Structures are given as C-alpha cells and as structure tokens.
Amino acid sequence: MFAIIALVLFALVALAILGFAIHVLFWPLLLVAIAVLAWTKLRPRR
C-alpha cells in the first residue's frame, strides 16, 4: 500500500516538474511567436 502511494506521489511530482519545465521553456517562444505574428499583421504595408 505504501509503495503505491509513494509511486503516485512520485508520478505527481515528476509531472509537476515536467509541466513547469515545459512552461518555462515554451512561454518565451510562444510570446515571441505572438509578437512576430502581431507585428507582421499590424505593420503598415508599403
């Protein structure tokens, strides 16, 4: 029983760390992509 609880807790912690790492890695890329898209759409055409 204890092993199952420990395994579940370990899986939750691993998922939390992985999610946080993905968030930290991809958030700046997402912001840059949004900025580039907005810039290309909103800039005045020559």
Protein backbone atom coordinates (compact mmCIF):
# COMPACT_ATOMS: atom_id res chain seq x y z
CA MET A 1 0.00 0.00 0.00
CA PHE A 2 2.75 2.43 0.94
CA ALA A 3 4.60 1.64 -2.29
CA ILE A 4 1.52 2.54 -4.35
CA ILE A 5 1.09 5.87 -2.52
CA ALA A 6 4.79 6.64 -2.93
CA LEU A 7 4.62 5.80 -6.65
CA VAL A 8 1.57 8.05 -7.16
CA LEU A 9 3.23 10.91 -5.26
CA PHE A 10 6.43 10.46 -7.29
CA ALA A 11 4.45 10.49 -10.54
CA LEU A 12 2.62 13.68 -9.50
CA VAL A 13 5.88 15.41 -8.56
CA ALA A 14 7.51 14.33 -11.83
CA LEU A 15 4.52 15.62 -13.81
CA ALA A 16 4.59 18.93 -11.93
CA ILE A 17 8.32 19.39 -12.60
CA LEU A 18 7.92 18.41 -16.25
CA GLY A 19 4.96 20.74 -16.73
CA PHE A 20 6.86 23.58 -15.09
CA ALA A 21 9.94 22.94 -17.26
CA ILE A 22 7.83 22.88 -20.44
CA HIS A 23 6.06 26.06 -19.35
CA VAL A 24 9.36 27.87 -18.67
CA LEU A 25 10.90 26.66 -21.95
CA PHE A 26 7.96 27.34 -24.25
CA TRP A 27 6.45 30.51 -22.73
CA PRO A 28 9.14 32.87 -24.20
CA LEU A 29 8.92 31.08 -27.57
CA LEU A 30 5.13 31.50 -27.53
CA LEU A 31 5.46 35.20 -26.66
CA VAL A 32 7.98 35.70 -29.48
CA ALA A 33 5.72 33.87 -31.95
CA ILE A 34 2.72 36.01 -30.93
CA ALA A 35 4.81 39.19 -31.18
CA VAL A 36 6.07 38.26 -34.66
CA LEU A 37 2.56 37.38 -35.86
CA ALA A 38 1.11 40.61 -34.46
CA TRP A 39 3.96 42.64 -35.99
CA THR A 40 3.56 41.10 -39.44
CA LYS A 41 -0.22 41.61 -39.37
CA LEU A 42 -0.30 45.11 -37.90
CA ARG A 43 2.65 46.79 -39.56
CA PRO A 44 1.74 49.20 -42.39
CA ARG A 45 2.27 47.78 -45.84
CA ARG A 46 4.46 49.71 -48.25
